[in-house]
Amino acid sequence: MRLRAISLTPALLVPIMAVLCVGSGCAPDDRTSRGVAEVFVDKHYVQIDPAAAEPFCAGLALQKVKQVRKLTEGLVIDASTKKPTVRYKIIEANEEPEHGTYVFEGTIYVEGDDAFSRRWIVSTRKNGSTWKVSNFTEDYD
């Protein structure tokens, strides 16, 4: 059997990377400042699940998430609930050894309506050996 060398062109590399990404989950690493900020945004804004966001929070952020849970208590969000599709990107990042601040730009797509954008400012801090979201703000401009 004879082996041939394969040239990795962009046309071949993109599908390979997509398969690797899906296979590994491409989940943010919540052991980093940026990763915990992304996990928080995924749980709180994309999945609309403040209970799932809670373990990644401390301080004021934890108080805010608990308040959201209290305000939405009794609302049933299940598989039949139509949720918007939310896509986001980090448009600004300031990372320091003990804290970080990230500005996310989210685009929210609601079925039967126009898409709209929001900015979320998420602050993180190192809590011992773990990173936690310490505060978050929503910008409606």
N, C-alpha and C. Protein backbone atom coordinates (compact mmCIF):
# COMPACT_ATOMS: atom_id res chain seq x y z
N MET A 1 0.84 -1.18 0.00
CA MET A 1 0.00 0.00 0.00
C MET A 1 0.88 1.23 0.00
N ARG A 2 0.57 2.12 -0.88
CA ARG A 2 1.37 3.34 -1.02
C ARG A 2 0.58 4.53 -0.48
N LEU A 3 1.18 5.35 0.38
CA LEU A 3 0.53 6.52 0.96
C LEU A 3 0.88 7.76 0.14
N ARG A 4 -0.09 8.62 -0.02
CA ARG A 4 0.13 9.86 -0.76
C ARG A 4 0.01 11.04 0.19
N ALA A 5 0.76 12.06 -0.05
CA ALA A 5 0.65 13.29 0.74
C ALA A 5 -0.55 14.07 0.21
N ILE A 6 -1.29 14.65 1.12
CA ILE A 6 -2.45 15.45 0.74
C ILE A 6 -2.16 16.91 1.05
N SER A 7 -2.42 17.73 0.08
CA SER A 7 -2.25 19.18 0.28
C SER A 7 -3.52 19.73 0.94
N LEU A 8 -3.35 20.40 2.08
CA LEU A 8 -4.51 20.95 2.80
C LEU A 8 -4.85 22.34 2.25
N THR A 9 -5.78 22.35 1.35
CA THR A 9 -6.26 23.61 0.79
C THR A 9 -7.39 24.13 1.68
N PRO A 10 -7.72 25.41 1.60
CA PRO A 10 -8.84 25.93 2.39
C PRO A 10 -10.14 25.15 2.15
N ALA A 11 -10.36 24.71 0.93
CA ALA A 11 -11.59 23.96 0.62
C ALA A 11 -11.64 22.64 1.38
N LEU A 12 -10.50 22.05 1.66
CA LEU A 12 -10.44 20.80 2.40
C LEU A 12 -10.32 21.05 3.90
N LEU A 13 -9.62 22.09 4.28
CA LEU A 13 -9.37 22.38 5.68
C LEU A 13 -10.62 22.83 6.43
N VAL A 14 -11.48 23.62 5.82
CA VAL A 14 -12.68 24.12 6.48
C VAL A 14 -13.61 22.99 6.93
N PRO A 15 -13.95 22.03 6.07
CA PRO A 15 -14.81 20.93 6.54
C PRO A 15 -14.15 20.09 7.64
N ILE A 16 -12.84 19.89 7.55
CA ILE A 16 -12.14 19.12 8.58
C ILE A 16 -12.23 19.84 9.91
N MET A 17 -11.99 21.14 9.91
CA MET A 17 -12.06 21.93 11.14
C MET A 17 -13.49 21.94 11.70
N ALA A 18 -14.46 21.99 10.84
CA ALA A 18 -15.86 21.98 11.29
C ALA A 18 -16.19 20.67 12.00
N VAL A 19 -15.74 19.56 11.44
CA VAL A 19 -15.97 18.26 12.06
C VAL A 19 -15.25 18.18 13.40
N LEU A 20 -14.02 18.64 13.46
CA LEU A 20 -13.27 18.61 14.72
C LEU A 20 -13.93 19.50 15.77
N CYS A 21 -14.41 20.64 15.34
CA CYS A 21 -15.05 21.58 16.25
C CYS A 21 -16.33 20.97 16.82
N VAL A 22 -17.16 20.39 15.98
CA VAL A 22 -18.41 19.79 16.44
C VAL A 22 -18.10 18.59 17.34
N GLY A 23 -17.12 17.81 16.97
CA GLY A 23 -16.76 16.64 17.76
C GLY A 23 -16.24 17.00 19.13
N SER A 24 -15.50 18.09 19.25
CA SER A 24 -14.96 18.47 20.55
C SER A 24 -15.91 19.36 21.33
N GLY A 25 -16.99 19.79 20.70
CA GLY A 25 -17.98 20.62 21.39
C GLY A 25 -17.71 22.10 21.26
N CYS A 26 -16.48 22.49 21.03
CA CYS A 26 -16.10 23.90 20.90
C CYS A 26 -16.66 24.76 22.03
N ALA A 27 -16.77 24.19 23.18
CA ALA A 27 -17.28 24.94 24.33
C ALA A 27 -16.18 25.82 24.88
N PRO A 28 -16.56 27.00 25.33
CA PRO A 28 -15.57 27.87 25.96
C PRO A 28 -14.99 27.20 27.22
N ASP A 29 -13.76 27.51 27.53
CA ASP A 29 -13.08 26.95 28.71
C ASP A 29 -13.41 27.82 29.91
N ASP A 30 -14.31 27.34 30.78
CA ASP A 30 -14.74 28.15 31.92
C ASP A 30 -13.67 28.27 33.01
N ARG A 31 -12.48 27.77 32.73
CA ARG A 31 -11.35 27.95 33.66
C ARG A 31 -10.56 29.21 33.34
N THR A 32 -11.03 29.96 32.31
CA THR A 32 -10.37 31.21 31.93
C THR A 32 -11.35 32.37 32.10
N SER A 33 -10.80 33.56 32.17
CA SER A 33 -11.64 34.75 32.29
C SER A 33 -12.60 34.87 31.11
N ARG A 34 -12.06 34.79 29.93
CA ARG A 34 -12.89 34.90 28.72
C ARG A 34 -13.89 33.74 28.62
N GLY A 35 -13.44 32.54 28.94
CA GLY A 35 -14.30 31.37 28.85
C GLY A 35 -15.49 31.45 29.78
N VAL A 36 -15.28 31.89 31.02
CA VAL A 36 -16.40 31.98 31.96
C VAL A 36 -17.37 33.07 31.52
N ALA A 37 -16.86 34.15 30.92
CA ALA A 37 -17.75 35.20 30.39
C ALA A 37 -18.60 34.64 29.26
N GLU A 38 -17.99 33.85 28.37
CA GLU A 38 -18.74 33.26 27.26
C GLU A 38 -19.76 32.23 27.73
N VAL A 39 -19.38 31.40 28.70
CA VAL A 39 -20.33 30.42 29.24
C VAL A 39 -21.52 31.14 29.85
N PHE A 40 -21.25 32.22 30.59
CA PHE A 40 -22.32 33.00 31.19
C PHE A 40 -23.28 33.54 30.13
N VAL A 41 -22.73 34.14 29.07
CA VAL A 41 -23.56 34.68 28.00
C VAL A 41 -24.37 33.56 27.34
N ASP A 42 -23.74 32.42 27.12
CA ASP A 42 -24.46 31.27 26.54
C ASP A 42 -25.65 30.87 27.41
N LYS A 43 -25.41 30.72 28.70
CA LYS A 43 -26.48 30.26 29.61
C LYS A 43 -27.55 31.33 29.81
N HIS A 44 -27.12 32.55 30.09
CA HIS A 44 -28.06 33.60 30.48
C HIS A 44 -28.81 34.21 29.29
N TYR A 45 -28.11 34.48 28.21
CA TYR A 45 -28.73 35.18 27.08
C TYR A 45 -29.12 34.28 25.91
N VAL A 46 -28.33 33.28 25.62
CA VAL A 46 -28.62 32.41 24.47
C VAL A 46 -29.64 31.33 24.86
N GLN A 47 -29.35 30.61 25.93
CA GLN A 47 -30.26 29.54 26.37
C GLN A 47 -31.41 30.07 27.23
N ILE A 48 -31.30 31.31 27.67
CA ILE A 48 -32.29 31.96 28.54
C ILE A 48 -32.56 31.06 29.76
N ASP A 49 -31.47 30.72 30.44
CA ASP A 49 -31.54 29.82 31.59
C ASP A 49 -30.70 30.40 32.74
N PRO A 50 -31.27 31.36 33.49
CA PRO A 50 -30.49 31.97 34.57
C PRO A 50 -30.03 30.98 35.63
N ALA A 51 -30.80 29.92 35.86
CA ALA A 51 -30.38 28.91 36.84
C ALA A 51 -29.07 28.25 36.41
N ALA A 52 -28.92 28.02 35.11
CA ALA A 52 -27.69 27.41 34.59
C ALA A 52 -26.52 28.39 34.63
N ALA A 53 -26.82 29.70 34.60
CA ALA A 53 -25.77 30.72 34.66
C ALA A 53 -25.25 30.94 36.07
N GLU A 54 -26.09 30.65 37.05
CA GLU A 54 -25.78 30.94 38.45
C GLU A 54 -24.44 30.39 38.94
N PRO A 55 -24.08 29.14 38.65
CA PRO A 55 -22.80 28.61 39.17
C PRO A 55 -21.57 29.35 38.66
N PHE A 56 -21.72 30.14 37.62
CA PHE A 56 -20.59 30.85 37.04
C PHE A 56 -20.49 32.29 37.56
N CYS A 57 -21.33 32.62 38.55
CA CYS A 57 -21.42 33.99 39.05
C CYS A 57 -21.00 34.11 40.50
N ALA A 58 -20.62 35.32 40.87
CA ALA A 58 -20.29 35.67 42.25
C ALA A 58 -20.67 37.13 42.47
N GLY A 59 -20.81 37.53 43.71
CA GLY A 59 -21.04 38.93 44.04
C GLY A 59 -22.29 39.51 43.41
N LEU A 60 -22.15 40.70 42.84
CA LEU A 60 -23.28 41.42 42.25
C LEU A 60 -23.93 40.63 41.11
N ALA A 61 -23.13 39.96 40.30
CA ALA A 61 -23.69 39.17 39.19
C ALA A 61 -24.60 38.07 39.74
N LEU A 62 -24.19 37.43 40.81
CA LEU A 62 -25.00 36.38 41.42
C LEU A 62 -26.31 36.96 41.95
N GLN A 63 -26.25 38.12 42.57
CA GLN A 63 -27.46 38.78 43.06
C GLN A 63 -28.41 39.10 41.90
N LYS A 64 -27.86 39.61 40.79
CA LYS A 64 -28.68 39.95 39.63
C LYS A 64 -29.34 38.71 39.02
N VAL A 65 -28.60 37.63 38.90
CA VAL A 65 -29.16 36.40 38.32
C VAL A 65 -30.25 35.85 39.23
N LYS A 66 -30.02 35.89 40.53
CA LYS A 66 -31.06 35.42 41.47
C LYS A 66 -32.31 36.29 41.37
N GLN A 67 -32.13 37.59 41.15
CA GLN A 67 -33.27 38.50 40.98
C GLN A 67 -34.04 38.16 39.71
N VAL A 68 -33.34 37.86 38.63
CA VAL A 68 -33.99 37.46 37.38
C VAL A 68 -34.79 36.19 37.62
N ARG A 69 -34.22 35.24 38.33
CA ARG A 69 -34.93 33.99 38.63
C ARG A 69 -36.20 34.26 39.44
N LYS A 70 -36.09 35.17 40.38
CA LYS A 70 -37.25 35.51 41.22
C LYS A 70 -38.35 36.17 40.38
N LEU A 71 -37.95 37.08 39.49
CA LEU A 71 -38.92 37.78 38.64
C LEU A 71 -39.61 36.86 37.64
N THR A 72 -38.91 35.80 37.23
CA THR A 72 -39.47 34.90 36.23
C THR A 72 -40.03 33.62 36.86
N GLU A 73 -40.06 33.57 38.17
CA GLU A 73 -40.58 32.40 38.88
C GLU A 73 -42.02 32.12 38.43
N GLY A 74 -42.30 30.88 38.13
CA GLY A 74 -43.64 30.51 37.71
C GLY A 74 -43.83 30.51 36.21
N LEU A 75 -42.95 31.17 35.48
CA LEU A 75 -43.03 31.12 34.01
C LEU A 75 -42.49 29.79 33.54
N VAL A 76 -43.22 29.15 32.68
CA VAL A 76 -42.79 27.85 32.17
C VAL A 76 -42.10 28.05 30.83
N ILE A 77 -40.83 27.70 30.80
CA ILE A 77 -40.08 27.73 29.54
C ILE A 77 -39.64 26.30 29.30
N ASP A 78 -40.24 25.69 28.30
CA ASP A 78 -39.93 24.30 27.99
C ASP A 78 -39.70 24.14 26.49
N ALA A 79 -39.71 22.91 26.03
CA ALA A 79 -39.43 22.63 24.62
C ALA A 79 -40.45 23.27 23.69
N SER A 80 -41.67 23.52 24.17
CA SER A 80 -42.69 24.11 23.31
C SER A 80 -42.61 25.64 23.26
N THR A 81 -41.81 26.23 24.12
CA THR A 81 -41.66 27.68 24.15
C THR A 81 -40.80 28.13 22.97
N LYS A 82 -41.30 29.10 22.23
CA LYS A 82 -40.52 29.63 21.11
C LYS A 82 -39.52 30.64 21.66
N LYS A 83 -38.26 30.29 21.55
CA LYS A 83 -37.19 31.16 22.02
C LYS A 83 -36.57 31.86 20.82
N PRO A 84 -36.06 33.06 21.04
CA PRO A 84 -35.35 33.71 19.94
C PRO A 84 -34.02 33.00 19.68
N THR A 85 -33.50 33.20 18.51
CA THR A 85 -32.15 32.73 18.20
C THR A 85 -31.20 33.87 18.50
N VAL A 86 -30.16 33.59 19.27
CA VAL A 86 -29.23 34.63 19.69
C VAL A 86 -27.84 34.26 19.21
N ARG A 87 -27.21 35.18 18.53
CA ARG A 87 -25.82 35.03 18.09
C ARG A 87 -25.04 36.18 18.70
N TYR A 88 -23.79 35.92 19.06
CA TYR A 88 -23.00 36.99 19.66
C TYR A 88 -21.54 36.89 19.25
N LYS A 89 -20.85 37.99 19.46
CA LYS A 89 -19.40 38.02 19.27
C LYS A 89 -18.83 38.98 20.30
N ILE A 90 -17.59 38.75 20.66
CA ILE A 90 -16.90 39.66 21.57
C ILE A 90 -16.31 40.78 20.72
N ILE A 91 -16.69 42.02 21.05
CA ILE A 91 -16.18 43.14 20.26
C ILE A 91 -15.09 43.92 21.01
N GLU A 92 -14.95 43.64 22.29
CA GLU A 92 -13.89 44.28 23.07
C GLU A 92 -13.55 43.39 24.25
N ALA A 93 -12.26 43.26 24.52
CA ALA A 93 -11.81 42.45 25.65
C ALA A 93 -10.67 43.15 26.36
N ASN A 94 -10.77 43.20 27.68
CA ASN A 94 -9.71 43.75 28.51
C ASN A 94 -9.40 42.71 29.57
N GLU A 95 -8.27 42.03 29.42
CA GLU A 95 -7.92 40.94 30.32
C GLU A 95 -6.73 41.31 31.18
N GLU A 96 -6.89 41.15 32.48
CA GLU A 96 -5.84 41.40 33.46
C GLU A 96 -5.62 40.09 34.22
N PRO A 97 -4.55 39.96 34.98
CA PRO A 97 -4.31 38.71 35.71
C PRO A 97 -5.42 38.31 36.69
N GLU A 98 -6.10 39.28 37.30
CA GLU A 98 -7.11 38.97 38.32
C GLU A 98 -8.54 39.32 37.91
N HIS A 99 -8.71 40.01 36.78
CA HIS A 99 -10.06 40.37 36.35
C HIS A 99 -10.08 40.63 34.84
N GLY A 100 -11.30 40.61 34.28
CA GLY A 100 -11.47 40.87 32.85
C GLY A 100 -12.79 41.55 32.60
N THR A 101 -12.85 42.27 31.50
CA THR A 101 -14.10 42.90 31.08
C THR A 101 -14.26 42.63 29.59
N TYR A 102 -15.47 42.20 29.22
CA TYR A 102 -15.75 41.83 27.83
C TYR A 102 -17.03 42.51 27.38
N VAL A 103 -16.98 43.05 26.18
CA VAL A 103 -18.18 43.64 25.59
C VAL A 103 -18.62 42.68 24.48
N PHE A 104 -19.83 42.17 24.64
CA PHE A 104 -20.43 41.26 23.67
C PHE A 104 -21.46 42.02 22.86
N GLU A 105 -21.50 41.75 21.56
CA GLU A 105 -22.57 42.28 20.72
C GLU A 105 -23.44 41.10 20.33
N GLY A 106 -24.68 41.15 20.78
CA GLY A 106 -25.61 40.07 20.48
C GLY A 106 -26.63 40.49 19.46
N THR A 107 -26.95 39.60 18.55
CA THR A 107 -28.03 39.83 17.60
C THR A 107 -29.11 38.82 17.92
N ILE A 108 -30.32 39.34 18.13
CA ILE A 108 -31.44 38.51 18.54
C ILE A 108 -32.42 38.42 17.38
N TYR A 109 -32.70 37.20 16.97
CA TYR A 109 -33.63 36.94 15.88
C TYR A 109 -34.91 36.36 16.46
N VAL A 110 -36.01 37.08 16.28
CA VAL A 110 -37.30 36.63 16.78
C VAL A 110 -38.15 36.25 15.59
N GLU A 111 -38.75 35.05 15.66
CA GLU A 111 -39.57 34.57 14.55
C GLU A 111 -40.69 35.57 14.26
N GLY A 112 -40.81 35.97 12.99
CA GLY A 112 -41.87 36.87 12.57
C GLY A 112 -41.60 38.33 12.87
N ASP A 113 -40.39 38.67 13.28
CA ASP A 113 -40.06 40.05 13.60
C ASP A 113 -38.65 40.36 13.11
N ASP A 114 -38.32 41.64 13.13
CA ASP A 114 -36.97 42.05 12.73
C ASP A 114 -35.95 41.67 13.80
N ALA A 115 -34.75 41.38 13.37
CA ALA A 115 -33.66 41.13 14.31
C ALA A 115 -33.26 42.45 14.96
N PHE A 116 -32.74 42.37 16.16
CA PHE A 116 -32.24 43.56 16.84
C PHE A 116 -30.96 43.20 17.59
N SER A 117 -30.21 44.22 17.98
CA SER A 117 -28.92 44.01 18.63
C SER A 117 -28.94 44.55 20.06
N ARG A 118 -28.10 43.94 20.88
CA ARG A 118 -27.87 44.36 22.25
C ARG A 118 -26.39 44.21 22.54
N ARG A 119 -25.93 45.00 23.49
CA ARG A 119 -24.57 44.84 23.98
C ARG A 119 -24.63 44.42 25.43
N TRP A 120 -23.78 43.46 25.76
CA TRP A 120 -23.69 43.00 27.14
C TRP A 120 -22.25 43.20 27.60
N ILE A 121 -22.09 43.87 28.71
CA ILE A 121 -20.77 44.09 29.30
C ILE A 121 -20.66 43.12 30.47
N VAL A 122 -19.69 42.23 30.40
CA VAL A 122 -19.53 41.19 31.41
C VAL A 122 -18.16 41.34 32.05
N SER A 123 -18.16 41.45 33.38
CA SER A 123 -16.91 41.54 34.14
C SER A 123 -16.66 40.23 34.86
N THR A 124 -15.41 39.83 34.89
CA THR A 124 -15.03 38.59 35.58
C THR A 124 -13.95 38.91 36.61
N ARG A 125 -13.82 38.02 37.58
CA ARG A 125 -12.72 38.15 38.54
C ARG A 125 -12.29 36.76 38.97
N LYS A 126 -11.04 36.69 39.35
CA LYS A 126 -10.51 35.42 39.82
C LYS A 126 -10.92 35.25 41.27
N ASN A 127 -11.56 34.13 41.56
CA ASN A 127 -12.05 33.78 42.88
C ASN A 127 -11.24 32.58 43.35
N GLY A 128 -10.12 32.80 44.01
CA GLY A 128 -9.22 31.70 44.33
C GLY A 128 -8.58 31.20 43.06
N SER A 129 -8.84 29.95 42.71
CA SER A 129 -8.27 29.40 41.48
C SER A 129 -9.28 29.35 40.34
N THR A 130 -10.51 29.84 40.59
CA THR A 130 -11.53 29.80 39.55
C THR A 130 -11.94 31.21 39.14
N TRP A 131 -12.46 31.30 37.93
CA TRP A 131 -12.97 32.56 37.42
C TRP A 131 -14.49 32.58 37.57
N LYS A 132 -15.01 33.74 37.94
CA LYS A 132 -16.46 33.93 38.08
C LYS A 132 -16.85 35.25 37.42
N VAL A 133 -18.09 35.32 36.97
CA VAL A 133 -18.64 36.59 36.48
C VAL A 133 -18.99 37.39 37.72
N SER A 134 -18.46 38.60 37.82
CA SER A 134 -18.69 39.44 39.00
C SER A 134 -19.76 40.49 38.77
N ASN A 135 -20.01 40.84 37.50
CA ASN A 135 -21.07 41.81 37.18
C ASN A 135 -21.38 41.71 35.69
N PHE A 136 -22.57 42.16 35.34
CA PHE A 136 -22.94 42.24 33.93
C PHE A 136 -23.95 43.36 33.78
N THR A 137 -23.91 44.00 32.63
CA THR A 137 -24.78 45.13 32.31
C THR A 137 -25.27 44.96 30.90
N GLU A 138 -26.51 45.36 30.69
CA GLU A 138 -27.09 45.31 29.36
C GLU A 138 -27.18 46.73 28.80
N ASP A 139 -26.69 46.91 27.60
CA ASP A 139 -26.70 48.21 26.94
C ASP A 139 -27.71 48.16 25.81
N TYR A 140 -28.71 49.03 25.87
CA TYR A 140 -29.80 48.99 24.89
C TYR A 140 -29.67 50.04 23.79
N ASP A 141 -28.50 50.63 23.62
CA ASP A 141 -28.34 51.63 22.56
C ASP A 141 -28.39 51.03 21.20
